[in-house]
Amino acid sequence: MKLQKTEKNKFLITLMVSLIILFVFFILALSLGSEKINLINALWGQTSKITEGTDPSPNFDRIILLNLRLPRALLAILAGGLLAGSGAVFQLFFRNELAEPGIIGISSGATLGAVTASVLGLGVNLASIKPFFPILKFISPINLFAFIGALLAGVIIVVLAFNKESSSKNSTVMILLCGTALGTLYSALSSLILITSSKELGSIYSWILGSFNGHGWKELLFILIPSIISIIIMFSIQNQLDLLACGEISAKSLGVSVNKLRILVLISAAFAVSAAICAGGTISFVGLIAPHIVRKLTGSKAKTLLPLSMIFGSILLLLADTIAKTVISPSELPAGIITSILGVPFFLSLFLNTSRT
């Protein structure tokens, strides 16, 4: 009883500290960029008239804040939370600390969709049908087809999970192997398309590296529903994921339907990764780093690992995006480069530590 109380206190302290850190980074993300802005002036500053009878001068800080910085920061927070949350769910389900969302090929499927849209010039082709499909007004063709590509990749994995042979004890390994193979295929197709249409390489390159530049309210509104669906599914299965920690046989004896849980895990990951990629392109390692940090702080129970991983993922991606847009200001780096620089040595150290155990 005393141990449970200690764990609860540790969780609450970690939660409060992480939320404070997230808030601080959120304020920094709103303030910093190629143009520093005064948040006090942006929020409460008044427009002023230069001379009597002239139009009031615009509050440029407020324009930058509301139209650029705020939606971008919210997208980074949401994308980081989704990637880290799906990473935590994957690690719990596969019982492997090296598991992460891109492992089943969804990220590569999104890249293939984006590359296809860019090369085929679907922005021009879709312009004529936008009046009939209002949703196309809220998203660029590249992000739309990236979302569709990620979902289709997720559907293929779900279909494989429904395969009769997937009821065997090696089904989890088979899904990982199939996901890795399909991801490699999607990447190869994307490279082939880009090689044969090299003129499109520049326009899609920053997207492939992962960047929130130019993304705003439209992208946020577009991914809101799939994000909510994913989050609801992830939190609804956290108790079953805890029971699965003892193995599939023990989980089944406690009433867990492993096949149903497998499908829910894959569906939640498909929606989460699709939405995150639509928000900021292909961003690596967030789903790996955040859950591992939380596991070191509070343990591996799903009820603590999932929510804290989402917060830490938001912190990590928000920090990466802030660094990306300030380190070579007025130009900016893709946020995916920053997460990769942080993630590769982290992954190697984690892999080496796991190999020794």
Protein backbone atom coordinates (compact mmCIF):
# COMPACT_ATOMS: atom_id res chain seq x y z
CA MET A 1 0.00 0.00 0.00
CA LYS A 2 2.83 2.35 0.91
CA LEU A 3 4.61 1.43 -2.33
CA GLN A 4 1.52 2.28 -4.39
CA LYS A 5 1.25 5.64 -2.63
CA THR A 6 4.92 6.36 -3.37
CA GLU A 7 4.43 5.49 -7.05
CA LYS A 8 1.35 7.72 -7.21
CA ASN A 9 3.24 10.64 -5.64
CA LYS A 10 6.15 10.14 -8.04
CA PHE A 11 3.70 10.16 -10.95
CA LEU A 12 1.98 13.34 -9.77
CA ILE A 13 5.28 15.15 -9.19
CA THR A 14 6.58 14.10 -12.61
CA LEU A 15 3.29 15.14 -14.21
CA MET A 16 3.34 18.61 -12.63
CA VAL A 17 7.01 19.22 -13.47
CA SER A 18 6.57 18.04 -17.07
CA LEU A 19 3.52 20.26 -17.57
CA ILE A 20 5.46 23.27 -16.25
CA ILE A 21 8.34 22.48 -18.62
CA LEU A 22 5.88 22.12 -21.51
CA PHE A 23 4.34 25.48 -20.68
CA VAL A 24 7.77 27.17 -20.57
CA PHE A 25 8.75 25.70 -23.93
CA PHE A 26 5.36 26.70 -25.33
CA ILE A 27 6.01 30.33 -24.37
CA LEU A 28 9.50 30.15 -25.89
CA ALA A 29 8.09 28.65 -29.10
CA LEU A 30 5.63 31.53 -29.38
CA SER A 31 8.31 34.15 -28.72
CA LEU A 32 11.28 32.87 -30.72
CA GLY A 33 11.78 32.46 -34.43
CA SER A 34 13.17 34.35 -37.39
CA GLU A 35 11.44 37.39 -35.89
CA LYS A 36 11.28 37.76 -32.10
CA ILE A 37 7.95 39.02 -30.86
CA ASN A 38 6.75 40.59 -27.63
CA LEU A 39 3.96 38.37 -26.29
CA ILE A 40 2.64 41.08 -23.98
CA ASN A 41 2.32 43.47 -26.89
CA ALA A 42 0.86 40.74 -29.09
CA LEU A 43 -1.83 39.79 -26.57
CA TRP A 44 -2.73 43.09 -24.99
CA GLY A 45 -1.05 45.77 -27.11
CA GLN A 46 -3.31 48.27 -28.84
CA THR A 47 -3.04 49.51 -32.38
CA SER A 48 -2.17 53.18 -32.48
CA LYS A 49 -2.96 56.00 -34.86
CA ILE A 50 0.00 57.86 -36.26
CA THR A 51 -1.95 61.04 -36.92
CA GLU A 52 -5.54 62.04 -36.53
CA GLY A 53 -7.73 60.62 -39.27
CA THR A 54 -5.34 57.89 -40.41
CA ASP A 55 -5.92 54.16 -40.15
CA PRO A 56 -4.50 52.44 -37.06
CA SER A 57 -1.14 50.73 -37.57
CA PRO A 58 -1.38 46.93 -37.47
CA ASN A 59 -0.10 44.97 -34.51
CA PHE A 60 2.44 42.81 -36.34
CA ASP A 61 3.33 40.84 -33.20
CA ARG A 62 -0.31 39.76 -32.88
CA ILE A 63 -0.51 38.82 -36.56
CA ILE A 64 2.62 36.67 -36.32
CA LEU A 65 1.45 35.09 -33.07
CA LEU A 66 -2.08 34.17 -34.13
CA ASN A 67 -1.47 33.28 -37.76
CA LEU A 68 1.94 31.60 -37.57
CA ARG A 69 3.42 30.83 -34.16
CA LEU A 70 0.36 29.62 -32.22
CA PRO A 71 -0.93 27.02 -34.72
CA ARG A 72 2.63 25.83 -35.38
CA ALA A 73 3.30 25.33 -31.66
CA LEU A 74 0.00 23.50 -31.19
CA LEU A 75 0.80 21.24 -34.15
CA ALA A 76 4.20 20.40 -32.65
CA ILE A 77 2.60 19.63 -29.28
CA LEU A 78 -0.08 17.42 -30.83
CA ALA A 79 2.29 15.62 -33.21
CA GLY A 80 4.83 14.99 -30.46
CA GLY A 81 2.14 13.64 -28.16
CA LEU A 82 0.74 11.33 -30.83
CA LEU A 83 4.14 9.94 -31.82
CA ALA A 84 5.22 9.39 -28.23
CA GLY A 85 1.85 7.93 -27.24
CA SER A 86 1.86 5.45 -30.11
CA GLY A 87 5.48 4.64 -29.29
CA ALA A 88 4.55 3.85 -25.69
CA VAL A 89 1.66 1.65 -26.85
CA PHE A 90 3.93 -0.20 -29.27
CA GLN A 91 6.59 -0.80 -26.64
CA LEU A 92 4.00 -2.11 -24.20
CA PHE A 93 2.29 -4.33 -26.76
CA PHE A 94 5.45 -5.78 -28.34
CA ARG A 95 7.17 -5.80 -24.92
CA ASN A 96 10.25 -4.30 -26.56
CA GLU A 97 11.83 -0.96 -25.62
CA LEU A 98 13.14 -0.55 -29.16
CA ALA A 99 9.70 -0.54 -30.78
CA GLU A 100 8.44 2.73 -32.25
CA PRO A 101 5.65 3.89 -34.62
CA GLY A 102 7.64 3.78 -37.85
CA ILE A 103 8.47 0.12 -37.38
CA ILE A 104 5.35 -1.15 -39.21
CA GLY A 105 5.84 0.97 -42.32
CA ILE A 106 3.20 3.66 -41.74
CA SER A 107 5.73 6.51 -41.98
CA SER A 108 7.11 5.13 -45.25
CA GLY A 109 3.57 4.78 -46.59
CA ALA A 110 2.95 8.45 -45.84
CA THR A 111 6.15 9.44 -47.62
CA LEU A 112 5.10 7.44 -50.68
CA GLY A 113 1.72 9.21 -50.71
CA ALA A 114 3.34 12.64 -50.42
CA VAL A 115 5.91 11.93 -53.12
CA THR A 116 3.19 10.64 -55.46
CA ALA A 117 1.08 13.76 -54.93
CA SER A 118 4.04 16.04 -55.54
CA VAL A 119 5.31 14.32 -58.68
CA LEU A 120 1.89 13.94 -60.29
CA GLY A 121 1.01 17.58 -59.62
CA LEU A 122 -2.21 16.66 -57.85
CA GLY A 123 -2.56 20.18 -56.48
CA VAL A 124 -3.47 21.38 -59.98
CA ASN A 125 -5.66 18.36 -60.70
CA LEU A 126 -7.62 18.71 -57.46
CA ALA A 127 -8.26 22.43 -57.85
CA SER A 128 -11.26 21.84 -60.12
CA ILE A 129 -13.04 19.55 -57.66
CA LYS A 130 -12.44 21.58 -54.47
CA PRO A 131 -15.91 23.20 -54.68
CA PHE A 132 -17.46 19.71 -54.46
CA PHE A 133 -15.21 18.52 -51.63
CA PRO A 134 -14.87 21.30 -49.03
CA ILE A 135 -12.35 19.27 -47.00
CA LEU A 136 -9.77 19.84 -49.77
CA LYS A 137 -9.79 23.53 -48.88
CA PHE A 138 -8.32 22.73 -45.47
CA ILE A 139 -5.26 20.80 -46.53
CA SER A 140 -2.55 20.73 -49.20
CA PRO A 141 -2.52 17.79 -51.65
CA ILE A 142 0.85 16.62 -50.32
CA ASN A 143 -0.42 16.42 -46.73
CA LEU A 144 -3.73 14.91 -47.85
CA PHE A 145 -2.06 12.09 -49.80
CA ALA A 146 0.50 11.59 -47.03
CA PHE A 147 -2.42 11.05 -44.67
CA ILE A 148 -4.08 8.65 -47.13
CA GLY A 149 -0.80 6.79 -47.70
CA ALA A 150 -0.23 6.35 -43.98
CA LEU A 151 -3.78 5.10 -43.44
CA LEU A 152 -3.51 2.63 -46.34
CA ALA A 153 -0.23 1.32 -44.91
CA GLY A 154 -2.00 0.91 -41.57
CA VAL A 155 -4.93 -0.90 -43.22
CA ILE A 156 -2.55 -3.37 -44.87
CA ILE A 157 -0.97 -4.18 -41.50
CA VAL A 158 -4.42 -4.57 -39.90
CA VAL A 159 -5.44 -6.97 -42.69
CA LEU A 160 -2.28 -8.97 -42.09
CA ALA A 161 -3.14 -9.07 -38.38
CA PHE A 162 -6.55 -10.53 -39.29
CA ASN A 163 -4.90 -13.31 -41.28
CA LYS A 164 -5.77 -16.76 -39.94
CA GLU A 165 -2.09 -17.55 -39.50
CA SER A 166 -1.74 -14.47 -37.28
CA SER A 167 -3.42 -16.35 -34.45
CA SER A 168 -0.21 -18.28 -33.91
CA LYS A 169 2.16 -17.47 -31.07
CA ASN A 170 4.60 -15.82 -33.51
CA SER A 171 2.01 -13.37 -34.85
CA THR A 172 3.65 -10.36 -33.19
CA VAL A 173 7.00 -11.16 -34.77
CA MET A 174 5.33 -11.70 -38.15
CA ILE A 175 3.64 -8.29 -37.99
CA LEU A 176 6.97 -6.62 -37.21
CA LEU A 177 8.71 -8.43 -40.06
CA CYS A 178 5.89 -7.65 -42.52
CA GLY A 179 5.83 -4.01 -41.42
CA THR A 180 9.59 -3.69 -41.86
CA ALA A 181 9.47 -5.32 -45.30
CA LEU A 182 6.56 -3.16 -46.48
CA GLY A 183 8.23 -0.03 -45.12
CA THR A 184 11.34 -0.86 -47.13
CA LEU A 185 9.18 -1.36 -50.23
CA TYR A 186 7.42 2.00 -49.76
CA SER A 187 10.77 3.75 -49.30
CA ALA A 188 12.16 2.11 -52.43
CA LEU A 189 9.14 3.19 -54.47
CA SER A 190 9.43 6.75 -53.14
CA SER A 191 13.11 6.88 -54.10
CA LEU A 192 12.35 5.48 -57.55
CA ILE A 193 9.66 8.10 -58.17
CA LEU A 194 11.93 10.94 -57.01
CA ILE A 195 14.86 9.74 -59.11
CA THR A 196 12.71 9.69 -62.25
CA SER A 197 11.28 13.14 -61.41
CA SER A 198 14.26 14.94 -59.90
CA LYS A 199 12.70 18.39 -60.44
CA GLU A 200 10.28 17.66 -57.61
CA LEU A 201 13.02 16.70 -55.15
CA GLY A 202 13.45 20.18 -53.68
CA SER A 203 9.74 20.71 -52.99
CA ILE A 204 9.35 17.42 -51.12
CA TYR A 205 12.78 17.22 -49.44
CA SER A 206 12.02 19.37 -46.39
CA TRP A 207 8.73 17.51 -45.90
CA ILE A 208 10.54 14.16 -45.88
CA LEU A 209 12.99 15.51 -43.28
CA GLY A 210 10.09 16.72 -41.11
CA SER A 211 9.16 20.37 -40.83
CA PHE A 212 6.31 22.50 -39.46
CA ASN A 213 7.23 25.46 -41.63
CA GLY A 214 4.16 26.80 -43.44
CA HIS A 215 1.72 24.62 -41.50
CA GLY A 216 -1.08 26.29 -39.58
CA TRP A 217 -4.73 26.22 -38.57
CA LYS A 218 -5.89 24.25 -41.62
CA GLU A 219 -3.61 21.31 -40.83
CA LEU A 220 -4.59 21.47 -37.17
CA LEU A 221 -8.30 21.29 -37.97
CA PHE A 222 -7.74 18.50 -40.50
CA ILE A 223 -5.96 16.17 -38.05
CA LEU A 224 -8.11 16.96 -35.02
CA ILE A 225 -10.66 14.14 -35.47
CA PRO A 226 -8.17 11.31 -36.22
CA SER A 227 -6.02 12.54 -33.32
CA ILE A 228 -8.96 12.35 -30.91
CA ILE A 229 -9.88 8.87 -32.18
CA SER A 230 -6.32 7.66 -31.68
CA ILE A 231 -6.00 9.11 -28.18
CA ILE A 232 -9.33 7.61 -27.09
CA ILE A 233 -8.29 4.15 -28.32
CA MET A 234 -4.86 4.35 -26.68
CA PHE A 235 -6.26 5.28 -23.27
CA SER A 236 -9.06 2.69 -23.53
CA ILE A 237 -6.58 -0.21 -23.89
CA GLN A 238 -4.02 0.80 -21.25
CA ASN A 239 -5.34 -1.69 -18.67
CA GLN A 240 -5.11 -4.54 -21.19
CA LEU A 241 -1.57 -3.51 -22.07
CA ASP A 242 -0.59 -3.77 -18.40
CA LEU A 243 -2.03 -7.29 -18.25
CA LEU A 244 -0.13 -8.21 -21.41
CA ALA A 245 3.18 -7.45 -19.66
CA CYS A 246 3.14 -10.96 -18.16
CA GLY A 247 2.80 -12.57 -21.58
CA GLU A 248 -0.02 -13.43 -23.98
CA ILE A 249 -0.94 -16.69 -22.24
CA SER A 250 -1.33 -15.00 -18.85
CA ALA A 251 -3.22 -12.09 -20.44
CA LYS A 252 -5.66 -14.48 -22.12
CA SER A 253 -6.26 -16.25 -18.81
CA LEU A 254 -7.19 -12.86 -17.32
CA GLY A 255 -9.76 -12.20 -20.03
CA VAL A 256 -7.72 -10.17 -22.53
CA SER A 257 -8.53 -10.78 -26.19
CA VAL A 258 -5.04 -10.50 -27.65
CA ASN A 259 -6.27 -10.54 -31.26
CA LYS A 260 -8.70 -7.68 -30.59
CA LEU A 261 -6.01 -5.79 -28.67
CA ARG A 262 -3.61 -6.22 -31.60
CA ILE A 263 -6.12 -4.64 -33.97
CA LEU A 264 -6.80 -1.71 -31.63
CA VAL A 265 -3.07 -1.08 -31.22
CA LEU A 266 -2.57 -1.01 -34.98
CA ILE A 267 -5.62 1.21 -35.60
CA SER A 268 -4.57 3.71 -32.94
CA ALA A 269 -1.01 3.77 -34.35
CA ALA A 270 -2.31 4.26 -37.90
CA PHE A 271 -4.42 7.26 -36.92
CA ALA A 272 -1.75 8.73 -34.64
CA VAL A 273 1.13 8.46 -37.10
CA SER A 274 -1.05 9.61 -40.02
CA ALA A 275 -2.10 12.73 -38.14
CA ALA A 276 1.43 13.45 -36.89
CA ILE A 277 2.94 13.10 -40.35
CA CYS A 278 0.26 15.34 -41.82
CA ALA A 279 1.14 17.92 -39.15
CA GLY A 280 4.91 17.98 -39.60
CA GLY A 281 6.16 15.41 -42.09
CA THR A 282 8.21 12.34 -41.22
CA ILE A 283 9.79 12.91 -37.81
CA SER A 284 11.83 10.11 -36.26
CA PHE A 285 12.81 8.97 -32.77
CA VAL A 286 10.20 10.93 -30.75
CA GLY A 287 8.19 7.74 -30.27
CA LEU A 288 11.33 5.98 -29.05
CA ILE A 289 12.96 8.60 -26.81
CA ALA A 290 9.97 9.93 -24.85
CA PRO A 291 8.62 6.59 -23.52
CA HIS A 292 12.12 5.48 -22.53
CA ILE A 293 12.74 8.67 -20.51
CA VAL A 294 9.40 8.23 -18.73
CA ARG A 295 10.13 4.56 -18.05
CA LYS A 296 13.33 5.55 -16.27
CA LEU A 297 11.45 8.11 -14.15
CA THR A 298 8.22 6.39 -13.18
CA GLY A 299 8.29 2.80 -14.41
CA SER A 300 6.58 0.95 -17.23
CA LYS A 301 2.95 0.76 -16.15
CA ALA A 302 0.66 1.92 -18.96
CA LYS A 303 -1.36 4.24 -16.71
CA THR A 304 1.74 6.33 -16.05
CA LEU A 305 3.80 5.58 -19.17
CA LEU A 306 1.16 6.62 -21.71
CA PRO A 307 0.14 10.09 -20.46
CA LEU A 308 3.66 11.10 -19.42
CA SER A 309 5.13 9.86 -22.70
CA MET A 310 2.68 12.05 -24.60
CA ILE A 311 3.69 15.10 -22.55
CA PHE A 312 7.41 14.38 -22.92
CA GLY A 313 6.92 13.79 -26.64
CA SER A 314 5.25 17.19 -26.93
CA ILE A 315 8.13 18.79 -25.01
CA LEU A 316 10.75 17.10 -27.19
CA LEU A 317 9.17 18.02 -30.53
CA LEU A 318 8.30 21.56 -29.43
CA LEU A 319 11.90 22.08 -28.31
CA ALA A 320 13.23 20.57 -31.57
CA ASP A 321 11.01 22.85 -33.66
CA THR A 322 12.05 25.92 -31.65
CA ILE A 323 15.73 25.07 -32.15
CA ALA A 324 15.12 24.38 -35.83
CA LYS A 325 13.62 27.79 -36.50
CA THR A 326 16.16 29.80 -34.48
CA VAL A 327 19.58 28.17 -34.82
CA ILE A 328 20.27 29.52 -38.35
CA SER A 329 17.70 32.33 -38.31
CA PRO A 330 16.30 33.84 -40.55
CA SER A 331 16.50 30.47 -42.34
CA GLU A 332 15.43 27.34 -40.53
CA LEU A 333 16.22 23.66 -40.33
CA PRO A 334 13.66 20.84 -40.53
CA ALA A 335 12.64 19.73 -37.03
CA GLY A 336 13.26 16.13 -38.08
CA ILE A 337 16.98 16.84 -38.35
CA ILE A 338 17.08 17.97 -34.71
CA THR A 339 15.18 14.91 -33.46
CA SER A 340 17.48 12.66 -35.51
CA ILE A 341 20.61 14.30 -34.08
CA LEU A 342 19.22 13.69 -30.60
CA GLY A 343 17.75 10.30 -31.40
CA VAL A 344 20.54 8.39 -33.13
CA PRO A 345 23.02 8.38 -30.20
CA PHE A 346 20.12 7.74 -27.82
CA PHE A 347 18.99 4.76 -29.92
CA LEU A 348 22.51 3.34 -30.11
CA SER A 349 23.02 3.59 -26.35
CA LEU A 350 19.64 2.01 -25.73
CA PHE A 351 20.37 -0.78 -28.21
CA LEU A 352 23.76 -1.50 -26.63
CA ASN A 353 22.29 -1.56 -23.12
CA THR A 354 19.49 -3.87 -24.27
CA SER A 355 21.99 -6.22 -25.96
CA ARG A 356 24.00 -6.59 -22.77
CA THR A 357 20.97 -7.65 -20.70
